[in-house]
Amino acid sequence: MRAIKAILIRNLTAFSRDKMRFFFTLLMSGFFLFVFSFVMKAAPTGIAQPMNYLVAGIIIMTVFQSALNNSMNIIEDVASGFMREIMVSPIARWQISLGQIASASVIAVLQGMLIVVVGMFIGVSMDLFRLLAMTGVMLVVGLTFSSLGLYLATLSKNSTTFQLMVSVIVLPLTFLSGAYIPTTVLPDVLRPIVFLNPLTYTTAAFRAVVLGTDGMTRESMIGSGIAFNLGGTVVTPHLALVIVALMGFLFFSLSVQRFNRADFSQVKVHQRRHR
């Protein structure tokens, strides 16, 4: 446990010193909030709280993208020589992988909480119970996709490959998850892809916490895009969260197993030469 804690504290310290990461997290989230707010206001979505609906999507997408991108630390550690040092120390590889996943998850949740604070200033209602529930969902999402990110990092032979893999995954999954544009207004031809997208259930579960489902029938939840009718089977927000947790367990098992067998001597990081 001390090894996991040491890696966690080390990565959190590095994150706290990276001021530009704070800035660009706010910048990109603010950009999406500004652009898609016009879509939500103009489109006949049938959603009672369109801005809260949008903010919830932006928050959970921030956590998702941060969890994946923070896994880049493993490749940077290889380039800096840090990974070589801890590999020769009496620390099991599974402890190193747990430390990386835990730190990436915590950082992703912190970045998500940053957007929560911004959302409160633009009118998102919040109480202690809802804040705790949101944090819990963000942590599940962070663990799920930081595990996926670690798995992709161990597959990559260089940082460029990892960044390309993340870009290919992030863009289509994000825009077909209902995070920015409700799934209810997407064309029918995209519905099969939407229902196969793990982020669809991630977004639905988080939105249910933010918006609340008290007094909502299954039909109204389906109409709001926080529940889905799959061939007569209704995927409620609670079931969606279970699906995300099961995916997290799968990704976690694969990433730890892959990390234990990874050969980091072949990983290369492309860096610019300074003159």
C-alpha atoms as a PDB file:
ATOM      1  CA  MET A   1       0.000   0.000   0.000  1.00  0.00           C
ATOM      2  CA  ARG A   2       2.883   2.400   0.676  1.00  0.00           C
ATOM      3  CA  ALA A   3       4.087   1.983  -2.907  1.00  0.00           C
ATOM      4  CA  ILE A   4       0.621   2.763  -4.295  1.00  0.00           C
ATOM      5  CA  LYS A   5       0.320   5.774  -1.991  1.00  0.00           C
ATOM      6  CA  ALA A   6       3.766   7.046  -3.014  1.00  0.00           C
ATOM      7  CA  ILE A   7       2.909   6.876  -6.738  1.00  0.00           C
ATOM      8  CA  LEU A   8      -0.447   8.547  -6.074  1.00  0.00           C
ATOM      9  CA  ILE A   9       1.109  11.425  -4.130  1.00  0.00           C
ATOM     10  CA  ARG A  10       3.889  11.830  -6.681  1.00  0.00           C
ATOM     11  CA  ASN A  11       1.444  12.104  -9.627  1.00  0.00           C
ATOM     12  CA  LEU A  12      -0.879  14.418  -7.698  1.00  0.00           C
ATOM     13  CA  THR A  13       2.065  16.681  -6.892  1.00  0.00           C
ATOM     14  CA  ALA A  14       3.061  16.793 -10.562  1.00  0.00           C
ATOM     15  CA  PHE A  15      -0.539  17.620 -11.496  1.00  0.00           C
ATOM     16  CA  SER A  16      -0.760  20.444  -8.944  1.00  0.00           C
ATOM     17  CA  ARG A  17       2.356  22.033 -10.442  1.00  0.00           C
ATOM     18  CA  ASP A  18       0.979  21.934 -13.975  1.00  0.00           C
ATOM     19  CA  LYS A  19      -0.886  25.259 -14.136  1.00  0.00           C
ATOM     20  CA  MET A  20      -1.522  24.973 -17.867  1.00  0.00           C
ATOM     21  CA  ARG A  21      -3.572  21.812 -17.341  1.00  0.00           C
ATOM     22  CA  PHE A  22      -5.973  23.752 -15.115  1.00  0.00           C
ATOM     23  CA  PHE A  23      -6.230  26.484 -17.715  1.00  0.00           C
ATOM     24  CA  PHE A  24      -6.913  24.239 -20.692  1.00  0.00           C
ATOM     25  CA  THR A  25      -9.422  22.129 -18.736  1.00  0.00           C
ATOM     26  CA  LEU A  26     -11.464  25.266 -18.113  1.00  0.00           C
ATOM     27  CA  LEU A  27     -10.884  26.565 -21.635  1.00  0.00           C
ATOM     28  CA  MET A  28     -12.074  23.448 -23.479  1.00  0.00           C
ATOM     29  CA  SER A  29     -15.023  22.851 -21.166  1.00  0.00           C
ATOM     30  CA  GLY A  30     -16.026  26.503 -21.460  1.00  0.00           C
ATOM     31  CA  PHE A  31     -15.757  26.298 -25.236  1.00  0.00           C
ATOM     32  CA  PHE A  32     -18.049  23.273 -25.441  1.00  0.00           C
ATOM     33  CA  LEU A  33     -20.467  24.865 -22.988  1.00  0.00           C
ATOM     34  CA  PHE A  34     -20.600  28.042 -25.078  1.00  0.00           C
ATOM     35  CA  VAL A  35     -21.037  26.308 -28.444  1.00  0.00           C
ATOM     36  CA  PHE A  36     -23.508  23.606 -27.485  1.00  0.00           C
ATOM     37  CA  SER A  37     -25.607  25.907 -25.321  1.00  0.00           C
ATOM     38  CA  PHE A  38     -26.896  27.422 -28.563  1.00  0.00           C
ATOM     39  CA  VAL A  39     -27.770  23.963 -29.862  1.00  0.00           C
ATOM     40  CA  MET A  40     -29.670  23.096 -26.686  1.00  0.00           C
ATOM     41  CA  LYS A  41     -31.594  26.364 -26.772  1.00  0.00           C
ATOM     42  CA  ALA A  42     -32.482  26.122 -30.471  1.00  0.00           C
ATOM     43  CA  ALA A  43     -33.222  22.398 -30.856  1.00  0.00           C
ATOM     44  CA  PRO A  44     -36.650  21.038 -29.794  1.00  0.00           C
ATOM     45  CA  THR A  45     -35.182  18.463 -27.416  1.00  0.00           C
ATOM     46  CA  GLY A  46     -38.120  18.224 -25.016  1.00  0.00           C
ATOM     47  CA  ILE A  47     -35.733  18.468 -22.031  1.00  0.00           C
ATOM     48  CA  ALA A  48     -36.959  20.431 -19.030  1.00  0.00           C
ATOM     49  CA  GLN A  49     -33.516  21.627 -17.843  1.00  0.00           C
ATOM     50  CA  PRO A  50     -31.434  21.981 -21.023  1.00  0.00           C
ATOM     51  CA  MET A  51     -28.490  23.834 -19.464  1.00  0.00           C
ATOM     52  CA  ASN A  52     -28.204  21.446 -16.510  1.00  0.00           C
ATOM     53  CA  TYR A  53     -28.463  18.594 -18.999  1.00  0.00           C
ATOM     54  CA  LEU A  54     -25.581  20.050 -21.012  1.00  0.00           C
ATOM     55  CA  VAL A  55     -23.385  20.854 -17.999  1.00  0.00           C
ATOM     56  CA  ALA A  56     -23.761  17.286 -16.721  1.00  0.00           C
ATOM     57  CA  GLY A  57     -22.545  15.955 -20.082  1.00  0.00           C
ATOM     58  CA  ILE A  58     -19.556  18.301 -20.113  1.00  0.00           C
ATOM     59  CA  ILE A  59     -18.575  17.317 -16.563  1.00  0.00           C
ATOM     60  CA  ILE A  60     -18.587  13.582 -17.219  1.00  0.00           C
ATOM     61  CA  MET A  61     -16.802  13.979 -20.567  1.00  0.00           C
ATOM     62  CA  THR A  62     -14.095  15.977 -18.782  1.00  0.00           C
ATOM     63  CA  VAL A  63     -13.626  13.077 -16.372  1.00  0.00           C
ATOM     64  CA  PHE A  64     -13.571  10.555 -19.222  1.00  0.00           C
ATOM     65  CA  GLN A  65     -11.054  12.431 -21.343  1.00  0.00           C
ATOM     66  CA  SER A  66      -8.858  13.300 -18.359  1.00  0.00           C
ATOM     67  CA  ALA A  67      -8.771   9.682 -17.211  1.00  0.00           C
ATOM     68  CA  LEU A  68      -7.567   8.551 -20.635  1.00  0.00           C
ATOM     69  CA  ASN A  69      -5.069  11.358 -21.147  1.00  0.00           C
ATOM     70  CA  ASN A  70      -3.579  11.060 -17.649  1.00  0.00           C
ATOM     71  CA  SER A  71      -2.459   7.547 -18.540  1.00  0.00           C
ATOM     72  CA  MET A  72       0.119   9.259 -20.731  1.00  0.00           C
ATOM     73  CA  ASN A  73       2.114   9.648 -17.494  1.00  0.00           C
ATOM     74  CA  ILE A  74       3.263   6.041 -17.751  1.00  0.00           C
ATOM     75  CA  ILE A  75       5.005   6.758 -21.059  1.00  0.00           C
ATOM     76  CA  GLU A  76       6.512   9.973 -19.693  1.00  0.00           C
ATOM     77  CA  ASP A  77       7.818   8.021 -16.695  1.00  0.00           C
ATOM     78  CA  VAL A  78       9.560   5.629 -19.076  1.00  0.00           C
ATOM     79  CA  ALA A  79      11.203   8.522 -20.931  1.00  0.00           C
ATOM     80  CA  SER A  80      12.354  10.255 -17.745  1.00  0.00           C
ATOM     81  CA  GLY A  81      13.872   7.077 -16.312  1.00  0.00           C
ATOM     82  CA  PHE A  82      11.498   7.013 -13.343  1.00  0.00           C
ATOM     83  CA  MET A  83       9.918   3.755 -14.487  1.00  0.00           C
ATOM     84  CA  ARG A  84      13.317   2.088 -14.694  1.00  0.00           C
ATOM     85  CA  GLU A  85      14.048   3.074 -11.109  1.00  0.00           C
ATOM     86  CA  ILE A  86      10.837   1.726  -9.621  1.00  0.00           C
ATOM     87  CA  MET A  87      11.026  -1.432 -11.727  1.00  0.00           C
ATOM     88  CA  VAL A  88      14.281  -2.420 -10.029  1.00  0.00           C
ATOM     89  CA  SER A  89      12.908  -1.602  -6.575  1.00  0.00           C
ATOM     90  CA  PRO A  90      11.155  -4.289  -4.473  1.00  0.00           C
ATOM     91  CA  ILE A  91       7.699  -3.230  -5.678  1.00  0.00           C
ATOM     92  CA  ALA A  92       5.342  -5.598  -7.487  1.00  0.00           C
ATOM     93  CA  ARG A  93       4.211  -4.510 -10.909  1.00  0.00           C
ATOM     94  CA  TRP A  94       0.557  -4.770  -9.944  1.00  0.00           C
ATOM     95  CA  GLN A  95       1.189  -2.166  -7.236  1.00  0.00           C
ATOM     96  CA  ILE A  96       2.674   0.198  -9.815  1.00  0.00           C
ATOM     97  CA  SER A  97      -0.315  -0.270 -12.105  1.00  0.00           C
ATOM     98  CA  LEU A  98      -2.726   0.318  -9.199  1.00  0.00           C
ATOM     99  CA  GLY A  99      -0.863   3.502  -8.290  1.00  0.00           C
ATOM    100  CA  GLN A 100      -1.084   4.764 -11.869  1.00  0.00           C
ATOM    101  CA  ILE A 101      -4.795   3.947 -12.152  1.00  0.00           C
ATOM    102  CA  ALA A 102      -5.579   5.493  -8.765  1.00  0.00           C
ATOM    103  CA  SER A 103      -3.699   8.711  -9.515  1.00  0.00           C
ATOM    104  CA  ALA A 104      -5.237   9.089 -12.980  1.00  0.00           C
ATOM    105  CA  SER A 105      -8.703   8.525 -11.480  1.00  0.00           C
ATOM    106  CA  VAL A 106      -8.260  11.032  -8.660  1.00  0.00           C
ATOM    107  CA  ILE A 107      -6.892  13.678 -11.034  1.00  0.00           C
ATOM    108  CA  ALA A 108      -9.816  13.083 -13.422  1.00  0.00           C
ATOM    109  CA  VAL A 109     -12.295  13.515 -10.552  1.00  0.00           C
ATOM    110  CA  LEU A 110     -10.552  16.727  -9.450  1.00  0.00           C
ATOM    111  CA  GLN A 111     -10.831  18.108 -12.969  1.00  0.00           C
ATOM    112  CA  GLY A 112     -14.479  17.107 -13.066  1.00  0.00           C
ATOM    113  CA  MET A 113     -15.087  18.860  -9.738  1.00  0.00           C
ATOM    114  CA  LEU A 114     -13.544  21.964 -11.231  1.00  0.00           C
ATOM    115  CA  ILE A 115     -16.297  21.985 -13.862  1.00  0.00           C
ATOM    116  CA  VAL A 116     -18.885  21.281 -11.151  1.00  0.00           C
ATOM    117  CA  VAL A 117     -17.845  24.536  -9.461  1.00  0.00           C
ATOM    118  CA  VAL A 118     -18.213  26.381 -12.773  1.00  0.00           C
ATOM    119  CA  GLY A 119     -21.622  24.780 -13.265  1.00  0.00           C
ATOM    120  CA  MET A 120     -22.788  26.015  -9.863  1.00  0.00           C
ATOM    121  CA  PHE A 121     -22.051  29.578 -10.940  1.00  0.00           C
ATOM    122  CA  ILE A 122     -24.323  29.229 -13.974  1.00  0.00           C
ATOM    123  CA  GLY A 123     -27.231  27.808 -12.028  1.00  0.00           C
ATOM    124  CA  VAL A 124     -26.761  24.064 -11.570  1.00  0.00           C
ATOM    125  CA  SER A 125     -28.575  23.171  -8.338  1.00  0.00           C
ATOM    126  CA  MET A 126     -26.534  21.235  -5.817  1.00  0.00           C
ATOM    127  CA  ASP A 127     -26.892  19.775  -2.345  1.00  0.00           C
ATOM    128  CA  LEU A 128     -24.536  17.654  -0.247  1.00  0.00           C
ATOM    129  CA  PHE A 129     -26.175  14.326  -1.107  1.00  0.00           C
ATOM    130  CA  ARG A 130     -26.154  15.073  -4.827  1.00  0.00           C
ATOM    131  CA  LEU A 131     -22.545  16.270  -4.687  1.00  0.00           C
ATOM    132  CA  LEU A 132     -21.480  13.037  -2.974  1.00  0.00           C
ATOM    133  CA  ALA A 133     -23.412  10.956  -5.504  1.00  0.00           C
ATOM    134  CA  MET A 134     -21.811  12.878  -8.392  1.00  0.00           C
ATOM    135  CA  THR A 135     -18.367  12.327  -6.894  1.00  0.00           C
ATOM    136  CA  GLY A 136     -19.054   8.600  -6.560  1.00  0.00           C
ATOM    137  CA  VAL A 137     -20.137   8.286 -10.205  1.00  0.00           C
ATOM    138  CA  MET A 138     -17.145  10.324 -11.366  1.00  0.00           C
ATOM    139  CA  LEU A 139     -14.832   8.033  -9.400  1.00  0.00           C
ATOM    140  CA  VAL A 140     -16.344   4.926 -11.031  1.00  0.00           C
ATOM    141  CA  VAL A 141     -15.954   6.535 -14.457  1.00  0.00           C
ATOM    142  CA  GLY A 142     -12.411   7.665 -13.652  1.00  0.00           C
ATOM    143  CA  LEU A 143     -11.355   4.179 -12.550  1.00  0.00           C
ATOM    144  CA  THR A 144     -12.992   2.613 -15.610  1.00  0.00           C
ATOM    145  CA  PHE A 145     -11.350   4.767 -18.229  1.00  0.00           C
ATOM    146  CA  SER A 146      -8.010   5.257 -16.494  1.00  0.00           C
ATOM    147  CA  SER A 147      -7.798   1.448 -16.571  1.00  0.00           C
ATOM    148  CA  LEU A 148      -8.555   1.574 -20.291  1.00  0.00           C
ATOM    149  CA  GLY A 149      -5.955   4.314 -20.711  1.00  0.00           C
ATOM    150  CA  LEU A 150      -3.310   2.263 -18.915  1.00  0.00           C
ATOM    151  CA  TYR A 151      -4.119  -0.696 -21.142  1.00  0.00           C
ATOM    152  CA  LEU A 152      -3.694   1.454 -24.267  1.00  0.00           C
ATOM    153  CA  ALA A 153      -0.454   2.910 -22.886  1.00  0.00           C
ATOM    154  CA  THR A 154       1.029  -0.570 -22.444  1.00  0.00           C
ATOM    155  CA  LEU A 155       0.045  -1.408 -26.031  1.00  0.00           C
ATOM    156  CA  SER A 156       1.699   1.715 -27.430  1.00  0.00           C
ATOM    157  CA  LYS A 157       5.303   1.649 -28.562  1.00  0.00           C
ATOM    158  CA  ASN A 158       5.615   5.440 -28.463  1.00  0.00           C
ATOM    159  CA  SER A 159       3.763   8.521 -27.268  1.00  0.00           C
ATOM    160  CA  THR A 160       2.572   9.423 -30.761  1.00  0.00           C
ATOM    161  CA  THR A 161       0.787   6.093 -31.118  1.00  0.00           C
ATOM    162  CA  PHE A 162      -0.865   6.522 -27.732  1.00  0.00           C
ATOM    163  CA  GLN A 163      -2.107  10.020 -28.562  1.00  0.00           C
ATOM    164  CA  LEU A 164      -3.469   8.803 -31.888  1.00  0.00           C
ATOM    165  CA  MET A 165      -5.256   5.879 -30.242  1.00  0.00           C
ATOM    166  CA  VAL A 166      -6.830   8.167 -27.644  1.00  0.00           C
ATOM    167  CA  SER A 167      -7.961  10.642 -30.321  1.00  0.00           C
ATOM    168  CA  VAL A 168      -9.569   7.877 -32.368  1.00  0.00           C
ATOM    169  CA  ILE A 169     -11.423   6.652 -29.284  1.00  0.00           C
ATOM    170  CA  VAL A 170     -12.398   9.998 -27.755  1.00  0.00           C
ATOM    171  CA  LEU A 171     -13.934  11.862 -30.702  1.00  0.00           C
ATOM    172  CA  PRO A 172     -16.528   9.342 -31.967  1.00  0.00           C
ATOM    173  CA  LEU A 173     -17.440   8.027 -28.515  1.00  0.00           C
ATOM    174  CA  THR A 174     -17.903  11.535 -27.128  1.00  0.00           C
ATOM    175  CA  PHE A 175     -20.190  12.869 -29.852  1.00  0.00           C
ATOM    176  CA  LEU A 176     -22.244   9.658 -29.999  1.00  0.00           C
ATOM    177  CA  SER A 177     -22.781   9.447 -26.233  1.00  0.00           C
ATOM    178  CA  GLY A 178     -25.361  12.195 -25.863  1.00  0.00           C
ATOM    179  CA  ALA A 179     -22.969  14.314 -23.810  1.00  0.00           C
ATOM    180  CA  TYR A 180     -23.282  17.395 -26.010  1.00  0.00           C
ATOM    181  CA  ILE A 181     -26.173  16.497 -28.316  1.00  0.00           C
ATOM    182  CA  PRO A 182     -29.049  14.424 -26.861  1.00  0.00           C
ATOM    183  CA  THR A 183     -29.285  10.911 -28.267  1.00  0.00           C
ATOM    184  CA  THR A 184     -32.983  11.525 -28.839  1.00  0.00           C
ATOM    185  CA  VAL A 185     -32.220  13.937 -31.702  1.00  0.00           C
ATOM    186  CA  LEU A 186     -29.578  11.769 -33.379  1.00  0.00           C
ATOM    187  CA  PRO A 187     -30.627  10.007 -36.606  1.00  0.00           C
ATOM    188  CA  ASP A 188     -31.933   6.455 -36.335  1.00  0.00           C
ATOM    189  CA  VAL A 189     -29.052   5.115 -38.427  1.00  0.00           C
ATOM    190  CA  LEU A 190     -26.661   5.983 -35.563  1.00  0.00           C
ATOM    191  CA  ARG A 191     -28.747   4.414 -32.797  1.00  0.00           C
ATOM    192  CA  PRO A 192     -27.012   0.984 -32.895  1.00  0.00           C
ATOM    193  CA  ILE A 193     -23.624   2.690 -32.459  1.00  0.00           C
ATOM    194  CA  VAL A 194     -25.029   4.872 -29.672  1.00  0.00           C
ATOM    195  CA  PHE A 195     -26.270   1.836 -27.740  1.00  0.00           C
ATOM    196  CA  LEU A 196     -22.932   0.035 -28.161  1.00  0.00           C
ATOM    197  CA  ASN A 197     -21.035   3.088 -26.908  1.00  0.00           C
ATOM    198  CA  PRO A 198     -20.007   2.667 -23.235  1.00  0.00           C
ATOM    199  CA  LEU A 199     -20.035   6.435 -22.784  1.00  0.00           C
ATOM    200  CA  THR A 200     -23.768   6.492 -23.515  1.00  0.00           C
ATOM    201  CA  TYR A 201     -24.452   4.662 -20.254  1.00  0.00           C
ATOM    202  CA  THR A 202     -21.799   6.684 -18.430  1.00  0.00           C
ATOM    203  CA  THR A 203     -23.469   9.942 -19.454  1.00  0.00           C
ATOM    204  CA  ALA A 204     -26.971   8.670 -18.668  1.00  0.00           C
ATOM    205  CA  ALA A 205     -26.032   7.528 -15.155  1.00  0.00           C
ATOM    206  CA  PHE A 206     -24.331  10.821 -14.319  1.00  0.00           C
ATOM    207  CA  ARG A 207     -27.163  12.931 -15.744  1.00  0.00           C
ATOM    208  CA  ALA A 208     -29.678  11.026 -13.647  1.00  0.00           C
ATOM    209  CA  VAL A 209     -27.752  12.097 -10.533  1.00  0.00           C
ATOM    210  CA  VAL A 210     -27.460  15.737 -11.624  1.00  0.00           C
ATOM    211  CA  LEU A 211     -31.043  16.159 -12.834  1.00  0.00           C
ATOM    212  CA  GLY A 212     -32.731  13.808 -10.391  1.00  0.00           C
ATOM    213  CA  THR A 213     -35.285  11.176 -11.356  1.00  0.00           C
ATOM    214  CA  ASP A 214     -37.855  11.698  -8.601  1.00  0.00           C
ATOM    215  CA  GLY A 215     -41.327  11.515 -10.065  1.00  0.00           C
ATOM    216  CA  MET A 216     -40.074  10.563 -13.534  1.00  0.00           C
ATOM    217  CA  THR A 217     -41.624   7.593 -15.278  1.00  0.00           C
ATOM    218  CA  ARG A 218     -39.614   5.263 -17.481  1.00  0.00           C
ATOM    219  CA  GLU A 219     -41.180   6.876 -20.536  1.00  0.00           C
ATOM    220  CA  SER A 220     -40.108  10.358 -19.446  1.00  0.00           C
ATOM    221  CA  MET A 221     -36.586   9.129 -18.673  1.00  0.00           C
ATOM    222  CA  ILE A 222     -36.371   7.575 -22.132  1.00  0.00           C
ATOM    223  CA  GLY A 223     -37.627  10.826 -23.648  1.00  0.00           C
ATOM    224  CA  SER A 224     -34.970  12.764 -21.732  1.00  0.00           C
ATOM    225  CA  GLY A 225     -32.181  10.431 -22.868  1.00  0.00           C
ATOM    226  CA  ILE A 226     -31.250   9.142 -19.406  1.00  0.00           C
ATOM    227  CA  ALA A 227     -32.820   5.715 -20.010  1.00  0.00           C
ATOM    228  CA  PHE A 228     -32.915   3.572 -23.151  1.00  0.00           C
ATOM    229  CA  ASN A 229     -35.304   1.047 -24.621  1.00  0.00           C
ATOM    230  CA  LEU A 230     -33.267  -1.784 -26.095  1.00  0.00           C
ATOM    231  CA  GLY A 231     -35.677  -4.144 -27.793  1.00  0.00           C
ATOM    232  CA  GLY A 232     -38.205  -3.944 -24.974  1.00  0.00           C
ATOM    233  CA  THR A 233     -35.622  -3.936 -22.179  1.00  0.00           C
ATOM    234  CA  VAL A 234     -35.365  -0.555 -20.471  1.00  0.00           C
ATOM    235  CA  VAL A 235     -31.861   0.370 -19.357  1.00  0.00           C
ATOM    236  CA  THR A 236     -32.460   2.609 -16.349  1.00  0.00           C
ATOM    237  CA  PRO A 237     -29.749   4.923 -14.920  1.00  0.00           C
ATOM    238  CA  HIS A 238     -29.052   2.428 -12.127  1.00  0.00           C
ATOM    239  CA  LEU A 239     -28.572  -0.373 -14.636  1.00  0.00           C
ATOM    240  CA  ALA A 240     -26.403   1.936 -16.753  1.00  0.00           C
ATOM    241  CA  LEU A 241     -24.118   2.523 -13.754  1.00  0.00           C
ATOM    242  CA  VAL A 242     -23.859  -1.242 -13.215  1.00  0.00           C
ATOM    243  CA  ILE A 243     -22.855  -1.638 -16.874  1.00  0.00           C
ATOM    244  CA  VAL A 244     -20.145   1.007 -16.441  1.00  0.00           C
ATOM    245  CA  ALA A 245     -18.867  -0.693 -13.267  1.00  0.00           C
ATOM    246  CA  LEU A 246     -18.685  -4.071 -15.035  1.00  0.00           C
ATOM    247  CA  MET A 247     -16.746  -2.487 -17.907  1.00  0.00           C
ATOM    248  CA  GLY A 248     -14.443  -0.922 -15.337  1.00  0.00           C
ATOM    249  CA  PHE A 249     -13.740  -4.305 -13.782  1.00  0.00           C
ATOM    250  CA  LEU A 250     -12.992  -5.737 -17.237  1.00  0.00           C
ATOM    251  CA  PHE A 251     -10.675  -2.875 -18.217  1.00  0.00           C
ATOM    252  CA  PHE A 252      -8.970  -2.981 -14.815  1.00  0.00           C
ATOM    253  CA  SER A 253      -8.263  -6.714 -15.081  1.00  0.00           C
ATOM    254  CA  LEU A 254      -6.940  -6.378 -18.637  1.00  0.00           C
ATOM    255  CA  SER A 255      -4.745  -3.367 -17.808  1.00  0.00           C
ATOM    256  CA  VAL A 256      -3.127  -4.962 -14.730  1.00  0.00           C
ATOM    257  CA  GLN A 257      -2.524  -8.202 -16.617  1.00  0.00           C
ATOM    258  CA  ARG A 258      -1.063  -6.353 -19.596  1.00  0.00           C
ATOM    259  CA  PHE A 259       1.074  -4.112 -17.380  1.00  0.00           C
ATOM    260  CA  ASN A 260       2.600  -7.152 -15.692  1.00  0.00           C
ATOM    261  CA  ARG A 261       3.785  -8.442 -19.087  1.00  0.00           C
ATOM    262  CA  ALA A 262       4.661  -5.137 -20.763  1.00  0.00           C
ATOM    263  CA  ASP A 263       8.172  -4.511 -22.092  1.00  0.00           C
ATOM    264  CA  PHE A 264       8.770  -0.807 -21.460  1.00  0.00           C
ATOM    265  CA  SER A 265      12.246  -0.917 -22.951  1.00  0.00           C
ATOM    266  CA  GLN A 266      10.596  -0.650 -26.380  1.00  0.00           C
ATOM    267  CA  VAL A 267       8.523   2.423 -25.543  1.00  0.00           C
ATOM    268  CA  LYS A 268       9.768   5.676 -27.028  1.00  0.00           C
ATOM    269  CA  VAL A 269       8.689   9.243 -26.416  1.00  0.00           C
ATOM    270  CA  HIS A 270       9.092  11.779 -29.189  1.00  0.00           C
ATOM    271  CA  GLN A 271      10.325  15.060 -27.799  1.00  0.00           C
ATOM    272  CA  ARG A 272      11.206  18.292 -29.526  1.00  0.00           C
ATOM    273  CA  ARG A 273      14.844  19.289 -29.560  1.00  0.00           C
ATOM    274  CA  HIS A 274      15.527  22.704 -28.111  1.00  0.00           C
ATOM    275  CA  ARG A 275      18.162  24.778 -29.786  1.00  0.00           C
END
